[in-house]
Each structure stands twice: as C-alpha cells, then as structure tokens.
C-alpha cells in the first residue's frame, strides 16, 4: 500500500501560540518514541501569520495513520488543542512523486 499524507492548517486563537506549540512538542515526543509508521510529522509556523500553523504528516500506509490516531499522545493532542484552535482545515493527500526520507518513497 502507498504512503498516505495529511496537510492540516490550524488557525489559532489570539495569544494561544505558545501553549499550542508546547502541546505540539509533547505530542511529537510521543510520536518519535512510539510510531515507526509515522515517517514525517512536521509543524510549520507561517511567515507573516503568527496565528497559523501548518502540519505535514506522512504515514507508511493507512494502518500507520490509524495507529497514530489510537495513540494516547495523539488523543490528548486532539482533546487539548480545542482550547487553542479557532479553525482547522485538513486534507488527506496521496503522494505520487517526490523526494522522501528513506523507506518512504512514493
């Protein structure tokens, strides 16, 4: 099965950036420790838009994405982020060409 990706844009509530970013760092620690099927999980600040964050996530396959969603650290993030997020937009993407980390080529 091919890799599966997500692109998520979060619009944060005014003044929530630091708390949201701390929550993201906690979540990423859990991902690094427990999710070998999560190949890429990166949160970006948006230049010129201090209340915007964009996540790019790449999973080995749908099973890896589902495993990510079952993890306690992910469930905690999904519950807690509502305190900081005004709006979230999510797109599932299917990579078909590009340069990826070893073992994640499309």
N, C-alpha and C. Protein backbone atom coordinates (compact mmCIF):
# COMPACT_ATOMS: atom_id res chain seq x y z
N UNK A 1 0.85 -1.18 0.00
CA UNK A 1 0.00 0.00 0.00
C UNK A 1 0.89 1.24 0.00
N UNK A 2 0.46 2.29 -0.67
CA UNK A 2 1.24 3.51 -0.81
C UNK A 2 1.20 4.36 0.45
N UNK A 3 2.16 5.26 0.51
CA UNK A 3 2.20 6.22 1.61
C UNK A 3 0.92 7.05 1.61
N UNK A 4 0.61 7.59 2.76
CA UNK A 4 -0.57 8.43 2.92
C UNK A 4 -0.15 9.67 3.70
N UNK A 5 -0.61 10.83 3.26
CA UNK A 5 -0.23 12.07 3.94
C UNK A 5 -1.43 12.88 4.38
N UNK A 6 -1.15 13.80 5.28
CA UNK A 6 -2.13 14.78 5.72
C UNK A 6 -1.47 16.16 5.70
N UNK A 7 -2.23 17.15 5.32
CA UNK A 7 -1.83 18.54 5.45
C UNK A 7 -2.94 19.20 6.26
N UNK A 8 -2.56 19.81 7.39
CA UNK A 8 -3.55 20.42 8.26
C UNK A 8 -3.13 21.86 8.54
N UNK A 9 -4.05 22.79 8.34
CA UNK A 9 -3.81 24.20 8.68
C UNK A 9 -4.64 24.53 9.90
N UNK A 10 -3.95 24.98 10.96
CA UNK A 10 -4.61 25.41 12.18
C UNK A 10 -4.59 26.94 12.24
N UNK A 11 -5.72 27.53 12.50
CA UNK A 11 -5.79 28.95 12.83
C UNK A 11 -6.00 29.01 14.33
N UNK A 12 -5.03 29.62 15.02
CA UNK A 12 -5.05 29.65 16.48
C UNK A 12 -5.80 30.87 17.00
N UNK A 13 -6.33 30.72 18.20
CA UNK A 13 -6.93 31.84 18.90
C UNK A 13 -5.84 32.86 19.23
N UNK A 14 -6.19 34.10 19.28
CA UNK A 14 -5.23 35.16 19.60
C UNK A 14 -4.52 34.84 20.91
N UNK A 15 -3.20 34.88 20.90
CA UNK A 15 -2.41 34.66 22.10
C UNK A 15 -2.19 33.20 22.48
N UNK A 16 -2.65 32.25 21.67
CA UNK A 16 -2.57 30.83 22.02
C UNK A 16 -1.33 30.13 21.46
N UNK A 17 -0.51 30.84 20.72
CA UNK A 17 0.62 30.20 20.04
C UNK A 17 1.56 29.44 20.94
N UNK A 18 2.01 30.04 22.02
CA UNK A 18 2.98 29.38 22.90
C UNK A 18 2.41 28.10 23.51
N UNK A 19 1.19 28.15 23.98
CA UNK A 19 0.58 26.97 24.60
C UNK A 19 0.35 25.88 23.56
N UNK A 20 -0.10 26.25 22.36
CA UNK A 20 -0.30 25.28 21.29
C UNK A 20 1.03 24.63 20.92
N UNK A 21 2.06 25.44 20.77
CA UNK A 21 3.37 24.91 20.39
C UNK A 21 3.93 23.97 21.44
N UNK A 22 3.69 24.26 22.71
CA UNK A 22 4.12 23.36 23.79
C UNK A 22 3.39 22.02 23.68
N UNK A 23 2.10 22.07 23.40
CA UNK A 23 1.32 20.85 23.21
C UNK A 23 1.85 20.04 22.03
N UNK A 24 2.21 20.72 20.96
CA UNK A 24 2.77 20.04 19.78
C UNK A 24 4.08 19.35 20.15
N UNK A 25 4.96 20.03 20.88
CA UNK A 25 6.24 19.43 21.26
C UNK A 25 6.02 18.17 22.11
N UNK A 26 5.06 18.19 23.02
CA UNK A 26 4.72 17.00 23.82
C UNK A 26 4.28 15.86 22.91
N UNK A 27 3.42 16.19 21.96
CA UNK A 27 2.88 15.18 21.05
C UNK A 27 3.97 14.58 20.19
N UNK A 28 4.86 15.42 19.67
CA UNK A 28 5.94 14.94 18.82
C UNK A 28 6.86 13.99 19.58
N UNK A 29 7.08 14.24 20.85
CA UNK A 29 7.91 13.33 21.65
C UNK A 29 7.28 11.94 21.67
N UNK A 30 5.97 11.86 21.83
CA UNK A 30 5.28 10.57 21.80
C UNK A 30 5.35 9.91 20.43
N UNK A 31 5.23 10.70 19.39
CA UNK A 31 5.30 10.17 18.03
C UNK A 31 6.69 9.57 17.77
N UNK A 32 7.73 10.31 18.14
CA UNK A 32 9.10 9.80 17.94
C UNK A 32 9.32 8.49 18.68
N UNK A 33 8.79 8.39 19.88
CA UNK A 33 9.04 7.22 20.73
C UNK A 33 8.21 6.00 20.36
N UNK A 34 7.01 6.20 19.78
CA UNK A 34 6.08 5.08 19.66
C UNK A 34 5.50 4.84 18.27
N UNK A 35 5.92 5.60 17.26
CA UNK A 35 5.25 5.47 15.97
C UNK A 35 6.23 5.29 14.81
N UNK A 36 6.74 4.09 14.62
CA UNK A 36 7.66 3.87 13.49
C UNK A 36 7.00 4.07 12.13
N UNK A 37 5.69 3.90 12.04
CA UNK A 37 4.97 4.08 10.78
C UNK A 37 4.67 5.53 10.43
N UNK A 38 4.91 6.44 11.38
CA UNK A 38 4.79 7.88 11.09
C UNK A 38 6.16 8.31 10.58
N UNK A 39 6.24 8.52 9.28
CA UNK A 39 7.52 8.79 8.63
C UNK A 39 7.93 10.25 8.74
N UNK A 40 6.96 11.16 8.65
CA UNK A 40 7.21 12.59 8.75
C UNK A 40 6.05 13.20 9.54
N UNK A 41 6.37 14.05 10.50
CA UNK A 41 5.36 14.79 11.26
C UNK A 41 5.99 16.12 11.61
N UNK A 42 5.65 17.14 10.85
CA UNK A 42 6.31 18.44 10.99
C UNK A 42 5.27 19.53 11.12
N UNK A 43 5.48 20.41 12.09
CA UNK A 43 4.62 21.58 12.27
C UNK A 43 5.41 22.81 11.84
N UNK A 44 4.80 23.62 11.00
CA UNK A 44 5.45 24.82 10.48
C UNK A 44 4.71 26.06 10.98
N UNK A 45 5.46 27.10 11.35
CA UNK A 45 4.88 28.42 11.54
C UNK A 45 4.74 29.03 10.16
N UNK A 46 3.75 29.87 9.98
CA UNK A 46 3.52 30.52 8.70
C UNK A 46 4.08 31.93 8.76
N UNK A 47 5.03 32.21 7.90
CA UNK A 47 5.66 33.54 7.88
C UNK A 47 4.61 34.61 7.65
N UNK A 48 4.62 35.62 8.50
CA UNK A 48 3.68 36.73 8.38
C UNK A 48 2.29 36.44 8.91
N UNK A 49 2.08 35.24 9.46
CA UNK A 49 0.77 34.87 10.01
C UNK A 49 1.00 34.18 11.35
N UNK A 50 1.21 34.93 12.43
CA UNK A 50 1.60 34.34 13.71
C UNK A 50 0.56 33.40 14.33
N UNK A 51 -0.68 33.45 13.88
CA UNK A 51 -1.70 32.55 14.42
C UNK A 51 -1.99 31.37 13.50
N UNK A 52 -1.11 31.10 12.58
CA UNK A 52 -1.28 29.98 11.65
C UNK A 52 -0.18 28.94 11.88
N UNK A 53 -0.56 27.68 11.82
CA UNK A 53 0.39 26.57 11.84
C UNK A 53 -0.04 25.60 10.75
N UNK A 54 0.93 25.04 10.05
CA UNK A 54 0.65 24.02 9.04
C UNK A 54 1.41 22.77 9.43
N UNK A 55 0.68 21.67 9.48
CA UNK A 55 1.29 20.36 9.75
C UNK A 55 1.40 19.61 8.43
N UNK A 56 2.52 18.92 8.25
CA UNK A 56 2.65 17.96 7.17
C UNK A 56 2.96 16.63 7.82
N UNK A 57 2.15 15.64 7.51
CA UNK A 57 2.29 14.32 8.09
C UNK A 57 2.36 13.30 6.97
N UNK A 58 3.28 12.34 7.09
CA UNK A 58 3.41 11.28 6.10
C UNK A 58 3.48 9.95 6.84
N UNK A 59 2.60 9.06 6.47
CA UNK A 59 2.49 7.75 7.11
C UNK A 59 2.85 6.66 6.11
N UNK A 60 3.39 5.56 6.61
CA UNK A 60 3.79 4.45 5.75
C UNK A 60 2.59 3.91 4.98
N UNK A 61 1.42 3.92 5.61
CA UNK A 61 0.20 3.41 4.99
C UNK A 61 -0.99 3.78 5.87
N UNK A 62 -2.17 3.39 5.47
CA UNK A 62 -3.38 3.71 6.24
C UNK A 62 -3.33 3.11 7.64
N UNK A 63 -2.77 1.91 7.77
CA UNK A 63 -2.66 1.28 9.10
C UNK A 63 -1.82 2.14 10.04
N UNK A 64 -0.73 2.73 9.51
CA UNK A 64 0.12 3.60 10.34
C UNK A 64 -0.64 4.85 10.77
N UNK A 65 -1.44 5.41 9.88
CA UNK A 65 -2.26 6.57 10.24
C UNK A 65 -3.27 6.20 11.32
N UNK A 66 -3.91 5.06 11.17
CA UNK A 66 -4.89 4.62 12.17
C UNK A 66 -4.21 4.35 13.51
N UNK A 67 -3.00 3.79 13.48
CA UNK A 67 -2.25 3.56 14.72
C UNK A 67 -1.91 4.90 15.38
N UNK A 68 -1.50 5.88 14.59
CA UNK A 68 -1.22 7.22 15.10
C UNK A 68 -2.46 7.77 15.81
N UNK A 69 -3.62 7.61 15.21
CA UNK A 69 -4.85 8.16 15.77
C UNK A 69 -5.28 7.46 17.05
N UNK A 70 -4.81 6.24 17.28
CA UNK A 70 -5.15 5.49 18.50
C UNK A 70 -4.22 5.80 19.67
N UNK A 71 -3.08 6.42 19.41
CA UNK A 71 -2.08 6.64 20.45
C UNK A 71 -2.58 7.62 21.52
N UNK A 72 -2.24 7.38 22.78
CA UNK A 72 -2.66 8.30 23.85
C UNK A 72 -2.18 9.73 23.64
N UNK A 73 -0.96 9.91 23.16
CA UNK A 73 -0.45 11.27 22.95
C UNK A 73 -1.22 11.99 21.84
N UNK A 74 -1.65 11.27 20.82
CA UNK A 74 -2.45 11.87 19.75
C UNK A 74 -3.85 12.21 20.26
N UNK A 75 -4.45 11.31 21.00
CA UNK A 75 -5.78 11.56 21.54
C UNK A 75 -5.75 12.76 22.49
N UNK A 76 -4.69 12.87 23.28
CA UNK A 76 -4.52 14.02 24.18
C UNK A 76 -4.43 15.31 23.35
N UNK A 77 -3.62 15.30 22.30
CA UNK A 77 -3.50 16.48 21.44
C UNK A 77 -4.85 16.87 20.86
N UNK A 78 -5.59 15.91 20.36
CA UNK A 78 -6.88 16.20 19.72
C UNK A 78 -7.89 16.77 20.72
N UNK A 79 -7.81 16.34 21.97
CA UNK A 79 -8.70 16.88 23.00
C UNK A 79 -8.27 18.27 23.44
N UNK A 80 -6.98 18.42 23.70
CA UNK A 80 -6.47 19.67 24.25
C UNK A 80 -6.37 20.81 23.25
N UNK A 81 -6.14 20.50 21.97
CA UNK A 81 -5.91 21.58 21.01
C UNK A 81 -7.14 22.46 20.82
N UNK A 82 -8.31 21.96 21.17
CA UNK A 82 -9.52 22.76 21.01
C UNK A 82 -9.49 24.02 21.89
N UNK A 83 -8.67 24.03 22.92
CA UNK A 83 -8.52 25.22 23.77
C UNK A 83 -7.82 26.35 23.01
N UNK A 84 -7.03 25.99 22.01
CA UNK A 84 -6.15 26.94 21.34
C UNK A 84 -6.51 27.21 19.88
N UNK A 85 -7.31 26.33 19.30
CA UNK A 85 -7.57 26.38 17.86
C UNK A 85 -8.93 27.00 17.58
N UNK A 86 -8.93 27.96 16.71
CA UNK A 86 -10.16 28.59 16.24
C UNK A 86 -10.74 27.81 15.05
N UNK A 87 -9.85 27.32 14.19
CA UNK A 87 -10.28 26.63 12.97
C UNK A 87 -9.20 25.65 12.53
N UNK A 88 -9.61 24.49 12.04
CA UNK A 88 -8.67 23.50 11.49
C UNK A 88 -9.19 23.05 10.13
N UNK A 89 -8.29 23.03 9.16
CA UNK A 89 -8.62 22.56 7.82
C UNK A 89 -7.68 21.40 7.50
N UNK A 90 -8.24 20.25 7.10
CA UNK A 90 -7.44 19.05 6.90
C UNK A 90 -7.67 18.49 5.51
N UNK A 91 -6.57 18.15 4.84
CA UNK A 91 -6.62 17.48 3.54
C UNK A 91 -5.82 16.19 3.62
N UNK A 92 -6.43 15.08 3.21
CA UNK A 92 -5.69 13.83 3.02
C UNK A 92 -5.06 13.92 1.65
N UNK A 93 -3.77 13.59 1.56
CA UNK A 93 -3.06 13.65 0.29
C UNK A 93 -2.40 12.31 0.02
N UNK A 94 -2.30 11.98 -1.26
CA UNK A 94 -1.68 10.73 -1.68
C UNK A 94 -0.44 11.08 -2.50
N UNK A 95 0.75 10.99 -1.90
CA UNK A 95 1.96 11.31 -2.65
C UNK A 95 2.11 10.38 -3.86
N UNK A 96 2.59 10.94 -4.96
CA UNK A 96 2.82 10.12 -6.13
C UNK A 96 4.19 10.35 -6.75
N UNK A 97 4.88 11.40 -6.36
CA UNK A 97 6.25 11.63 -6.84
C UNK A 97 6.93 12.58 -5.88
N UNK A 98 8.23 12.46 -5.74
CA UNK A 98 8.95 13.40 -4.91
C UNK A 98 10.14 12.77 -4.24
N UNK A 99 10.73 13.48 -3.33
CA UNK A 99 11.87 13.01 -2.55
C UNK A 99 11.41 12.90 -1.10
N UNK A 100 11.51 11.70 -0.57
CA UNK A 100 11.05 11.43 0.78
C UNK A 100 12.16 10.77 1.58
N UNK A 101 12.01 10.72 2.90
CA UNK A 101 13.00 10.02 3.72
C UNK A 101 13.12 8.57 3.29
N UNK A 102 14.23 7.97 3.57
CA UNK A 102 14.47 6.57 3.22
C UNK A 102 13.29 5.71 3.67
N UNK A 103 12.85 4.84 2.79
CA UNK A 103 11.75 3.95 3.11
C UNK A 103 10.38 4.55 2.91
N UNK A 104 10.31 5.80 2.46
CA UNK A 104 9.00 6.45 2.31
C UNK A 104 8.76 6.93 0.89
N UNK A 105 9.49 6.37 -0.07
CA UNK A 105 9.31 6.82 -1.44
C UNK A 105 7.93 6.45 -1.96
N UNK A 106 7.35 7.38 -2.71
CA UNK A 106 6.02 7.14 -3.28
C UNK A 106 6.14 6.28 -4.51
